[in-house]
């Protein structure tokens, strides 16, 4: 069987991946399991930065694809993105193209959960984004984000490479990533302290870091092994991934018993 290079390396270095399709350090499993622990069938959810749905469609693990697919498990899944490709995202009930810095095209308190899957690292107007995410979230609702830790070596290395060279660099460092899914990075809301300052007193935050499998390894087994060892030695503050869950202050409204399932 011809496997993508990154997947083949993961199977070699994390053999437990053969059981269920994920490793013991899989950050996506952790993040999406927590989301599933929060959601309820009557909820409305917003995928902020949904894009074409590549993070679901191109995932090689059926179990992870199942975890990431909320359509059909909650009442309504809306998605928005600056990329018009969002209009073709098959994992949404509703799609909207948005303009950076402009208000989101949703009413106040529309969603029980808003999530951003590897989006915050691309944001250039962090306070405006946080203000809008809070506005469209119901009191007592949740905002969840998986993003890069600004102080992780991946983000530091990325910051040293001009955005115009990111496609070329990723094609060598991590060829499994499609060029169409490479976007400019800013890292303006990518530390726990920055996120707490942006949300202020309007929500309670839980932030933590984690280093999952190496993502950038030049398709070289030795490099993969070295980065794997580095991940075990890194202190928490230098973990490659940053995960945030924020609960907006205020009482959550009672479920609407008259709403359709």
Foldseek 3Di string as FASTA:
>chain_A
DDDPLVLVLCCVVAVCCVPQNFHPQDPLCVQLVVVVVPDQQAWEEEAEACAQVCVQPVDPGPVSNVSPQCVVRHDAYEYEHCDPSQVNRPSGPYYDYDDQLDADPAAFQQGQEYEYEADVQAHPPVLSVLVRVNRNHHAQGKYKYKHWACQAPVNVVLVVDALVCVLVQCCQFAVVDDSVPRHDGDCQQHAPVSVCVSCPPFWDKDKWAGAGQDRGQRSDSVSSVVVVVVRVVDDRSHHTMMIMMITGHDDGDDRDPPDDD
